Amino acid sequence: MGQKYFVCRHCLGLTYASQSEEAMHRHNRRANKIRMALGGEPGTDSLPPRKPKGMHWRTYWRKMDAIEAADAAGELDFAHWVYRRFPGISPDDLLD
């Protein structure tokens, strides 16, 4: 059976898993979510998803721009993550 009283997440101090996730993983998850919503495969090494039938081209390109922005932000966050752990490496070295 359940608890006797309903207690909200805030009252119990609970957080969602994504709130403790590193920024680079959040960006990658966002890009993959949009890719899969368009019928594509997750991951940057997969082909871009095709435009679903019935979707306006404007909407499709807006979603593709969102994927590109999330991927770029994830790469930048990864470069900064490496730089914090290995101070001798510059983020610019990783992005070239």
PDB file of N, CA and C in Angstrom:
ATOM      1  N   MET A   1       0.841  -1.180   0.000  1.00  0.00           N
ATOM      2  CA  MET A   1       0.000   0.000   0.000  1.00  0.00           C
ATOM      3  C   MET A   1       0.887   1.244   0.000  1.00  0.00           C
ATOM      4  N   GLY A   2       0.318   2.396  -0.295  1.00  0.00           N
ATOM      5  CA  GLY A   2       1.065   3.646  -0.371  1.00  0.00           C
ATOM      6  C   GLY A   2       1.252   4.294   0.981  1.00  0.00           C
ATOM      7  N   GLN A   3       1.869   5.480   0.930  1.00  0.00           N
ATOM      8  CA  GLN A   3       2.057   6.241   2.164  1.00  0.00           C
ATOM      9  C   GLN A   3       0.729   6.809   2.644  1.00  0.00           C
ATOM     10  N   LYS A   4       0.708   7.181   3.917  1.00  0.00           N
ATOM     11  CA  LYS A   4      -0.514   7.722   4.496  1.00  0.00           C
ATOM     12  C   LYS A   4      -0.778   9.146   4.008  1.00  0.00           C
ATOM     13  N   TYR A   5       0.299   9.918   3.783  1.00  0.00           N
ATOM     14  CA  TYR A   5       0.157  11.314   3.376  1.00  0.00           C
ATOM     15  C   TYR A   5       0.857  11.554   2.044  1.00  0.00           C
ATOM     16  N   PHE A   6       0.288  12.478   1.270  1.00  0.00           N
ATOM     17  CA  PHE A   6       0.929  12.899   0.026  1.00  0.00           C
ATOM     18  C   PHE A   6       1.909  14.012   0.367  1.00  0.00           C
ATOM     19  N   VAL A   7       3.146  13.854  -0.078  1.00  0.00           N
ATOM     20  CA  VAL A   7       4.167  14.873   0.156  1.00  0.00           C
ATOM     21  C   VAL A   7       4.795  15.208  -1.192  1.00  0.00           C
ATOM     22  N   CYS A   8       4.936  16.491  -1.461  1.00  0.00           N
ATOM     23  CA  CYS A   8       5.461  16.917  -2.764  1.00  0.00           C
ATOM     24  C   CYS A   8       6.979  16.717  -2.837  1.00  0.00           C
ATOM     25  N   ARG A   9       7.505  16.756  -4.058  1.00  0.00           N
ATOM     26  CA  ARG A   9       8.942  16.585  -4.289  1.00  0.00           C
ATOM     27  C   ARG A   9       9.744  17.668  -3.563  1.00  0.00           C
ATOM     28  N   HIS A  10       9.221  18.874  -3.564  1.00  0.00           N
ATOM     29  CA  HIS A  10       9.919  19.985  -2.918  1.00  0.00           C
ATOM     30  C   HIS A  10      10.039  19.749  -1.407  1.00  0.00           C
ATOM     31  N   CYS A  11       8.962  19.321  -0.795  1.00  0.00           N
ATOM     32  CA  CYS A  11       8.948  19.081   0.654  1.00  0.00           C
ATOM     33  C   CYS A  11       9.925  17.972   1.055  1.00  0.00           C
ATOM     34  N   LEU A  12      10.066  16.960   0.215  1.00  0.00           N
ATOM     35  CA  LEU A  12      10.978  15.858   0.513  1.00  0.00           C
ATOM     36  C   LEU A  12      12.406  16.148   0.050  1.00  0.00           C
ATOM     37  N   GLY A  13      12.597  17.259  -0.678  1.00  0.00           N
ATOM     38  CA  GLY A  13      13.926  17.603  -1.165  1.00  0.00           C
ATOM     39  C   GLY A  13      14.376  16.714  -2.318  1.00  0.00           C
ATOM     40  N   LEU A  14      13.430  16.163  -3.073  1.00  0.00           N
ATOM     41  CA  LEU A  14      13.762  15.288  -4.188  1.00  0.00           C
ATOM     42  C   LEU A  14      14.020  16.103  -5.446  1.00  0.00           C
ATOM     43  N   THR A  15      14.900  15.604  -6.298  1.00  0.00           N
ATOM     44  CA  THR A  15      15.178  16.264  -7.567  1.00  0.00           C
ATOM     45  C   THR A  15      15.006  15.264  -8.699  1.00  0.00           C
ATOM     46  N   TYR A  16      14.855  15.783  -9.902  1.00  0.00           N
ATOM     47  CA  TYR A  16      14.809  14.937 -11.080  1.00  0.00           C
ATOM     48  C   TYR A  16      16.237  14.555 -11.452  1.00  0.00           C
ATOM     49  N   ALA A  17      16.417  13.407 -12.073  1.00  0.00           N
ATOM     50  CA  ALA A  17      17.754  12.941 -12.450  1.00  0.00           C
ATOM     51  C   ALA A  17      18.457  13.948 -13.359  1.00  0.00           C
ATOM     52  N   SER A  18      17.705  14.601 -14.229  1.00  0.00           N
ATOM     53  CA  SER A  18      18.315  15.548 -15.157  1.00  0.00           C
ATOM     54  C   SER A  18      18.883  16.778 -14.454  1.00  0.00           C
ATOM     55  N   GLN A  19      18.431  17.059 -13.233  1.00  0.00           N
ATOM     56  CA  GLN A  19      18.931  18.226 -12.516  1.00  0.00           C
ATOM     57  C   GLN A  19      20.342  18.023 -11.986  1.00  0.00           C
ATOM     58  N   SER A  20      20.780  16.790 -11.848  1.00  0.00           N
ATOM     59  CA  SER A  20      22.136  16.529 -11.384  1.00  0.00           C
ATOM     60  C   SER A  20      23.042  16.078 -12.526  1.00  0.00           C
ATOM     61  N   GLU A  21      22.512  16.145 -13.739  1.00  0.00           N
ATOM     62  CA  GLU A  21      23.237  15.732 -14.930  1.00  0.00           C
ATOM     63  C   GLU A  21      24.147  16.879 -15.386  1.00  0.00           C
ATOM     64  N   GLU A  22      25.318  16.528 -15.914  1.00  0.00           N
ATOM     65  CA  GLU A  22      26.220  17.562 -16.421  1.00  0.00           C
ATOM     66  C   GLU A  22      25.627  18.203 -17.668  1.00  0.00           C
ATOM     67  N   ALA A  23      26.000  19.455 -17.905  1.00  0.00           N
ATOM     68  CA  ALA A  23      25.427  20.233 -19.006  1.00  0.00           C
ATOM     69  C   ALA A  23      25.622  19.547 -20.351  1.00  0.00           C
ATOM     70  N   MET A  24      26.802  18.964 -20.580  1.00  0.00           N
ATOM     71  CA  MET A  24      27.054  18.335 -21.885  1.00  0.00           C
ATOM     72  C   MET A  24      26.092  17.174 -22.130  1.00  0.00           C
ATOM     73  N   HIS A  25      25.738  16.449 -21.084  1.00  0.00           N
ATOM     74  CA  HIS A  25      24.813  15.335 -21.235  1.00  0.00           C
ATOM     75  C   HIS A  25      23.389  15.834 -21.461  1.00  0.00           C
ATOM     76  N   ARG A  26      23.024  16.955 -20.817  1.00  0.00           N
ATOM     77  CA  ARG A  26      21.692  17.531 -21.039  1.00  0.00           C
ATOM     78  C   ARG A  26      21.541  17.973 -22.493  1.00  0.00           C
ATOM     79  N   HIS A  27      22.578  18.619 -23.046  1.00  0.00           N
ATOM     80  CA  HIS A  27      22.520  19.068 -24.434  1.00  0.00           C
ATOM     81  C   HIS A  27      22.426  17.879 -25.389  1.00  0.00           C
ATOM     82  N   ASN A  28      23.199  16.850 -25.124  1.00  0.00           N
ATOM     83  CA  ASN A  28      23.164  15.664 -25.984  1.00  0.00           C
ATOM     84  C   ASN A  28      21.806  14.968 -25.903  1.00  0.00           C
ATOM     85  N   ARG A  29      21.231  14.897 -24.705  1.00  0.00           N
ATOM     86  CA  ARG A  29      19.923  14.277 -24.544  1.00  0.00           C
ATOM     87  C   ARG A  29      18.852  15.070 -25.285  1.00  0.00           C
ATOM     88  N   ARG A  30      18.954  16.398 -25.220  1.00  0.00           N
ATOM     89  CA  ARG A  30      17.989  17.247 -25.935  1.00  0.00           C
ATOM     90  C   ARG A  30      18.079  17.022 -27.444  1.00  0.00           C
ATOM     91  N   ALA A  31      19.301  17.011 -27.987  1.00  0.00           N
ATOM     92  CA  ALA A  31      19.472  16.794 -29.430  1.00  0.00           C
ATOM     93  C   ALA A  31      18.937  15.422 -29.836  1.00  0.00           C
ATOM     94  N   ASN A  32      19.223  14.406 -29.042  1.00  0.00           N
ATOM     95  CA  ASN A  32      18.751  13.057 -29.367  1.00  0.00           C
ATOM     96  C   ASN A  32      17.232  12.958 -29.289  1.00  0.00           C
ATOM     97  N   LYS A  33      16.643  13.661 -28.347  1.00  0.00           N
ATOM     98  CA  LYS A  33      15.188  13.643 -28.211  1.00  0.00           C
ATOM     99  C   LYS A  33      14.531  14.225 -29.465  1.00  0.00           C
ATOM    100  N   ILE A  34      15.084  15.313 -29.985  1.00  0.00           N
ATOM    101  CA  ILE A  34      14.532  15.921 -31.197  1.00  0.00           C
ATOM    102  C   ILE A  34      14.770  15.010 -32.395  1.00  0.00           C
ATOM    103  N   ARG A  35      15.980  14.420 -32.486  1.00  0.00           N
ATOM    104  CA  ARG A  35      16.271  13.486 -33.588  1.00  0.00           C
ATOM    105  C   ARG A  35      15.254  12.345 -33.631  1.00  0.00           C
ATOM    106  N   MET A  36      15.011  11.747 -32.462  1.00  0.00           N
ATOM    107  CA  MET A  36      14.090  10.606 -32.406  1.00  0.00           C
ATOM    108  C   MET A  36      12.647  11.031 -32.666  1.00  0.00           C
ATOM    109  N   ALA A  37      12.268  12.255 -32.273  1.00  0.00           N
ATOM    110  CA  ALA A  37      10.925  12.749 -32.553  1.00  0.00           C
ATOM    111  C   ALA A  37      10.714  12.914 -34.054  1.00  0.00           C
ATOM    112  N   LEU A  38      11.802  13.178 -34.778  1.00  0.00           N
ATOM    113  CA  LEU A  38      11.724  13.295 -36.233  1.00  0.00           C
ATOM    114  C   LEU A  38      11.845  11.940 -36.923  1.00  0.00           C
ATOM    115  N   GLY A  39      12.019  10.883 -36.146  1.00  0.00           N
ATOM    116  CA  GLY A  39      12.113   9.545 -36.712  1.00  0.00           C
ATOM    117  C   GLY A  39      13.533   9.091 -36.992  1.00  0.00           C
ATOM    118  N   GLY A  40      14.507   9.837 -36.502  1.00  0.00           N
ATOM    119  CA  GLY A  40      15.908   9.484 -36.725  1.00  0.00           C
ATOM    120  C   GLY A  40      16.474   8.645 -35.596  1.00  0.00           C
ATOM    121  N   GLU A  41      17.767   8.400 -35.688  1.00  0.00           N
ATOM    122  CA  GLU A  41      18.494   7.630 -34.679  1.00  0.00           C
ATOM    123  C   GLU A  41      19.237   8.586 -33.747  1.00  0.00           C
ATOM    124  N   PRO A  42      19.390   8.228 -32.482  1.00  0.00           N
ATOM    125  CA  PRO A  42      20.155   9.079 -31.575  1.00  0.00           C
ATOM    126  C   PRO A  42      21.644   9.044 -31.913  1.00  0.00           C
ATOM    127  N   GLY A  43      22.332  10.100 -31.570  1.00  0.00           N
ATOM    128  CA  GLY A  43      23.780  10.148 -31.757  1.00  0.00           C
ATOM    129  C   GLY A  43      24.197  11.067 -32.888  1.00  0.00           C
ATOM    130  N   THR A  44      25.339  11.698 -32.709  1.00  0.00           N
ATOM    131  CA  THR A  44      25.828  12.644 -33.709  1.00  0.00           C
ATOM    132  C   THR A  44      26.391  11.954 -34.943  1.00  0.00           C
ATOM    133  N   ASP A  45      26.709  10.676 -34.844  1.00  0.00           N
ATOM    134  CA  ASP A  45      27.287   9.972 -35.990  1.00  0.00           C
ATOM    135  C   ASP A  45      26.230   9.402 -36.927  1.00  0.00           C
ATOM    136  N   SER A  46      24.952   9.517 -36.563  1.00  0.00           N
ATOM    137  CA  SER A  46      23.886   9.008 -37.428  1.00  0.00           C
ATOM    138  C   SER A  46      23.516  10.060 -38.476  1.00  0.00           C
ATOM    139  N   LEU A  47      22.868   9.611 -39.533  1.00  0.00           N
ATOM    140  CA  LEU A  47      22.425  10.520 -40.579  1.00  0.00           C
ATOM    141  C   LEU A  47      21.326  11.438 -40.045  1.00  0.00           C
ATOM    142  N   PRO A  48      21.230  12.641 -40.589  1.00  0.00           N
ATOM    143  CA  PRO A  48      20.142  13.522 -40.142  1.00  0.00           C
ATOM    144  C   PRO A  48      18.789  12.893 -40.471  1.00  0.00           C
ATOM    145  N   PRO A  49      17.819  13.070 -39.581  1.00  0.00           N
ATOM    146  CA  PRO A  49      16.504  12.481 -39.852  1.00  0.00           C
ATOM    147  C   PRO A  49      15.828  13.164 -41.035  1.00  0.00           C
ATOM    148  N   ARG A  50      15.052  12.384 -41.777  1.00  0.00           N
ATOM    149  CA  ARG A  50      14.296  12.932 -42.906  1.00  0.00           C
ATOM    150  C   ARG A  50      13.074  13.677 -42.379  1.00  0.00           C
ATOM    151  N   LYS A  51      12.573  14.574 -43.182  1.00  0.00           N
ATOM    152  CA  LYS A  51      11.387  15.326 -42.800  1.00  0.00           C
ATOM    153  C   LYS A  51      10.190  14.375 -42.779  1.00  0.00           C
ATOM    154  N   PRO A  52       9.491  14.315 -41.649  1.00  0.00           N
ATOM    155  CA  PRO A  52       8.296  13.469 -41.592  1.00  0.00           C
ATOM    156  C   PRO A  52       7.218  13.982 -42.539  1.00  0.00           C
ATOM    157  N   LYS A  53       6.475  13.057 -43.112  1.00  0.00           N
ATOM    158  CA  LYS A  53       5.394  13.415 -44.014  1.00  0.00           C
ATOM    159  C   LYS A  53       4.372  14.264 -43.267  1.00  0.00           C
ATOM    160  N   GLY A  54       3.970  15.345 -43.887  1.00  0.00           N
ATOM    161  CA  GLY A  54       2.972  16.223 -43.292  1.00  0.00           C
ATOM    162  C   GLY A  54       3.547  17.364 -42.483  1.00  0.00           C
ATOM    163  N   MET A  55       4.831  17.325 -42.180  1.00  0.00           N
ATOM    164  CA  MET A  55       5.454  18.402 -41.415  1.00  0.00           C
ATOM    165  C   MET A  55       5.846  19.521 -42.371  1.00  0.00           C
ATOM    166  N   HIS A  56       5.601  20.739 -41.972  1.00  0.00           N
ATOM    167  CA  HIS A  56       6.015  21.884 -42.772  1.00  0.00           C
ATOM    168  C   HIS A  56       7.536  21.967 -42.800  1.00  0.00           C
ATOM    169  N   TRP A  57       8.059  22.399 -43.933  1.00  0.00           N
ATOM    170  CA  TRP A  57       9.508  22.530 -44.055  1.00  0.00           C
ATOM    171  C   TRP A  57      10.055  23.522 -43.034  1.00  0.00           C
ATOM    172  N   ARG A  58       9.317  24.563 -42.770  1.00  0.00           N
ATOM    173  CA  ARG A  58       9.778  25.561 -41.797  1.00  0.00           C
ATOM    174  C   ARG A  58       9.955  24.934 -40.408  1.00  0.00           C
ATOM    175  N   THR A  59       9.003  24.108 -40.018  1.00  0.00           N
ATOM    176  CA  THR A  59       9.085  23.414 -38.728  1.00  0.00           C
ATOM    177  C   THR A  59      10.272  22.454 -38.715  1.00  0.00           C
ATOM    178  N   TYR A  60      10.437  21.717 -39.807  1.00  0.00           N
ATOM    179  CA  TYR A  60      11.544  20.766 -39.909  1.00  0.00           C
ATOM    180  C   TYR A  60      12.878  21.484 -39.761  1.00  0.00           C
ATOM    181  N   TRP A  61      13.073  22.593 -40.469  1.00  0.00           N
ATOM    182  CA  TRP A  61      14.352  23.303 -40.387  1.00  0.00           C
ATOM    183  C   TRP A  61      14.561  23.935 -39.019  1.00  0.00           C
ATOM    184  N   ARG A  62      13.472  24.352 -38.368  1.00  0.00           N
ATOM    185  CA  ARG A  62      13.599  24.886 -37.010  1.00  0.00           C
ATOM    186  C   ARG A  62      14.090  23.795 -36.054  1.00  0.00           C
ATOM    187  N   LYS A  63      13.555  22.582 -36.211  1.00  0.00           N
ATOM    188  CA  LYS A  63      13.993  21.465 -35.367  1.00  0.00           C
ATOM    189  C   LYS A  63      15.435  21.055 -35.684  1.00  0.00           C
ATOM    190  N   MET A  64      15.792  21.092 -36.964  1.00  0.00           N
ATOM    191  CA  MET A  64      17.169  20.769 -37.340  1.00  0.00           C
ATOM    192  C   MET A  64      18.140  21.807 -36.771  1.00  0.00           C
ATOM    193  N   ASP A  65      17.742  23.080 -36.768  1.00  0.00           N
ATOM    194  CA  ASP A  65      18.567  24.123 -36.158  1.00  0.00           C
ATOM    195  C   ASP A  65      18.719  23.891 -34.656  1.00  0.00           C
ATOM    196  N   ALA A  66      17.645  23.424 -34.010  1.00  0.00           N
ATOM    197  CA  ALA A  66      17.701  23.132 -32.572  1.00  0.00           C
ATOM    198  C   ALA A  66      18.657  21.970 -32.296  1.00  0.00           C
ATOM    199  N   ILE A  67      18.658  20.966 -33.171  1.00  0.00           N
ATOM    200  CA  ILE A  67      19.591  19.842 -33.023  1.00  0.00           C
ATOM    201  C   ILE A  67      21.022  20.345 -33.147  1.00  0.00           C
ATOM    202  N   GLU A  68      21.269  21.162 -34.165  1.00  0.00           N
ATOM    203  CA  GLU A  68      22.613  21.690 -34.390  1.00  0.00           C
ATOM    204  C   GLU A  68      23.084  22.538 -33.210  1.00  0.00           C
ATOM    205  N   ALA A  69      22.194  23.382 -32.674  1.00  0.00           N
ATOM    206  CA  ALA A  69      22.547  24.221 -31.536  1.00  0.00           C
ATOM    207  C   ALA A  69      22.844  23.383 -30.291  1.00  0.00           C
ATOM    208  N   ALA A  70      22.037  22.365 -30.038  1.00  0.00           N
ATOM    209  CA  ALA A  70      22.258  21.507 -28.869  1.00  0.00           C
ATOM    210  C   ALA A  70      23.556  20.713 -29.014  1.00  0.00           C
ATOM    211  N   ASP A  71      23.833  20.223 -30.228  1.00  0.00           N
ATOM    212  CA  ASP A  71      25.090  19.501 -30.455  1.00  0.00           C
ATOM    213  C   ASP A  71      26.294  20.410 -30.246  1.00  0.00           C
ATOM    214  N   ALA A  72      26.217  21.632 -30.756  1.00  0.00           N
ATOM    215  CA  ALA A  72      27.325  22.582 -30.606  1.00  0.00           C
ATOM    216  C   ALA A  72      27.544  22.936 -29.133  1.00  0.00           C
ATOM    217  N   ALA A  73      26.459  23.154 -28.403  1.00  0.00           N
ATOM    218  CA  ALA A  73      26.569  23.471 -26.980  1.00  0.00           C
ATOM    219  C   ALA A  73      27.152  22.288 -26.207  1.00  0.00           C
ATOM    220  N   GLY A  74      26.759  21.073 -26.583  1.00  0.00           N
ATOM    221  CA  GLY A  74      27.300  19.876 -25.935  1.00  0.00           C
ATOM    222  C   GLY A  74      28.786  19.717 -26.193  1.00  0.00           C
ATOM    223  N   GLU A  75      29.216  20.005 -27.426  1.00  0.00           N
ATOM    224  CA  GLU A  75      30.647  19.921 -27.749  1.00  0.00           C
ATOM    225  C   GLU A  75      31.441  20.955 -26.970  1.00  0.00           C
ATOM    226  N   LEU A  76      30.912  22.167 -26.865  1.00  0.00           N
ATOM    227  CA  LEU A  76      31.591  23.215 -26.111  1.00  0.00           C
ATOM    228  C   LEU A  76      31.675  22.850 -24.630  1.00  0.00           C
ATOM    229  N   ASP A  77      30.569  22.336 -24.079  1.00  0.00           N
ATOM    230  CA  ASP A  77      30.580  21.906 -22.672  1.00  0.00           C
ATOM    231  C   ASP A  77      31.578  20.770 -22.455  1.00  0.00           C
ATOM    232  N   PHE A  78      31.692  19.860 -23.423  1.00  0.00           N
ATOM    233  CA  PHE A  78      32.667  18.777 -23.313  1.00  0.00           C
ATOM    234  C   PHE A  78      34.089  19.333 -23.314  1.00  0.00           C
ATOM    235  N   ALA A  79      34.349  20.298 -24.180  1.00  0.00           N
ATOM    236  CA  ALA A  79      35.679  20.917 -24.237  1.00  0.00           C
ATOM    237  C   ALA A  79      36.018  21.571 -22.901  1.00  0.00           C
ATOM    238  N   HIS A  80      35.055  22.269 -22.304  1.00  0.00           N
ATOM    239  CA  HIS A  80      35.295  22.902 -21.004  1.00  0.00           C
ATOM    240  C   HIS A  80      35.466  21.855 -19.904  1.00  0.00           C
ATOM    241  N   TRP A  81      34.727  20.773 -19.982  1.00  0.00           N
ATOM    242  CA  TRP A  81      34.858  19.683 -19.010  1.00  0.00           C
ATOM    243  C   TRP A  81      36.275  19.101 -19.051  1.00  0.00           C
ATOM    244  N   VAL A  82      36.778  18.859 -20.248  1.00  0.00           N
ATOM    245  CA  VAL A  82      38.142  18.331 -20.397  1.00  0.00           C
ATOM    246  C   VAL A  82      39.149  19.346 -19.873  1.00  0.00           C
ATOM    247  N   TYR A  83      38.949  20.622 -20.198  1.00  0.00           N
ATOM    248  CA  TYR A  83      39.880  21.668 -19.769  1.00  0.00           C
ATOM    249  C   TYR A  83      39.940  21.761 -18.244  1.00  0.00           C
ATOM    250  N   ARG A  84      38.801  21.600 -17.572  1.00  0.00           N
ATOM    251  CA  ARG A  84      38.808  21.672 -16.103  1.00  0.00           C
ATOM    252  C   ARG A  84      39.567  20.496 -15.502  1.00  0.00           C
ATOM    253  N   ARG A  85      39.507  19.329 -16.140  1.00  0.00           N
ATOM    254  CA  ARG A  85      40.175  18.150 -15.603  1.00  0.00           C
ATOM    255  C   ARG A  85      41.627  18.026 -16.044  1.00  0.00           C
ATOM    256  N   PHE A  86      41.950  18.615 -17.186  1.00  0.00           N
ATOM    257  CA  PHE A  86      43.311  18.579 -17.719  1.00  0.00           C
ATOM    258  C   PHE A  86      43.716  20.007 -18.080  1.00  0.00           C
ATOM    259  N   PRO A  87      44.194  20.787 -17.106  1.00  0.00           N
ATOM    260  CA  PRO A  87      44.434  22.220 -17.316  1.00  0.00           C
ATOM    261  C   PRO A  87      45.426  22.530 -18.451  1.00  0.00           C
ATOM    262  N   GLY A  88      46.280  21.614 -18.841  1.00  0.00           N
ATOM    263  CA  GLY A  88      47.240  21.891 -19.903  1.00  0.00           C
ATOM    264  C   GLY A  88      46.622  21.897 -21.302  1.00  0.00           C
ATOM    265  N   ILE A  89      45.360  21.451 -21.406  1.00  0.00           N
ATOM    266  CA  ILE A  89      44.697  21.382 -22.700  1.00  0.00           C
ATOM    267  C   ILE A  89      43.731  22.568 -22.807  1.00  0.00           C
ATOM    268  N   SER A  90      43.782  23.267 -23.914  1.00  0.00           N
ATOM    269  CA  SER A  90      42.898  24.392 -24.159  1.00  0.00           C
ATOM    270  C   SER A  90      41.611  23.909 -24.830  1.00  0.00           C
ATOM    271  N   PRO A  91      40.455  24.516 -24.511  1.00  0.00           N
ATOM    272  CA  PRO A  91      39.219  24.138 -25.198  1.00  0.00           C
ATOM    273  C   PRO A  91      39.328  24.314 -26.708  1.00  0.00           C
ATOM    274  N   ASP A  92      40.118  25.290 -27.159  1.00  0.00           N
ATOM    275  CA  ASP A  92      40.293  25.515 -28.593  1.00  0.00           C
ATOM    276  C   ASP A  92      41.016  24.328 -29.241  1.00  0.00           C
ATOM    277  N   ASP A  93      41.923  23.668 -28.507  1.00  0.00           N
ATOM    278  CA  ASP A  93      42.621  22.498 -29.053  1.00  0.00           C
ATOM    279  C   ASP A  93      41.640  21.366 -29.358  1.00  0.00           C
ATOM    280  N   LEU A  94      40.583  21.252 -28.567  1.00  0.00           N
ATOM    281  CA  LEU A  94      39.622  20.170 -28.727  1.00  0.00           C
ATOM    282  C   LEU A  94      38.613  20.448 -29.838  1.00  0.00           C
ATOM    283  N   LEU A  95      38.362  21.708 -30.123  1.00  0.00           N
ATOM    284  CA  LEU A  95      37.329  22.064 -31.092  1.00  0.00           C
ATOM    285  C   LEU A  95      37.863  22.158 -32.515  1.00  0.00           C
ATOM    286  N   ASP A  96      39.154  22.142 -32.684  1.00  0.00           N
ATOM    287  CA  ASP A  96      39.729  22.224 -34.051  1.00  0.00           C
ATOM    288  C   ASP A  96      39.676  20.928 -34.773  1.00  0.00           C
TER     289      ASP A  96
END
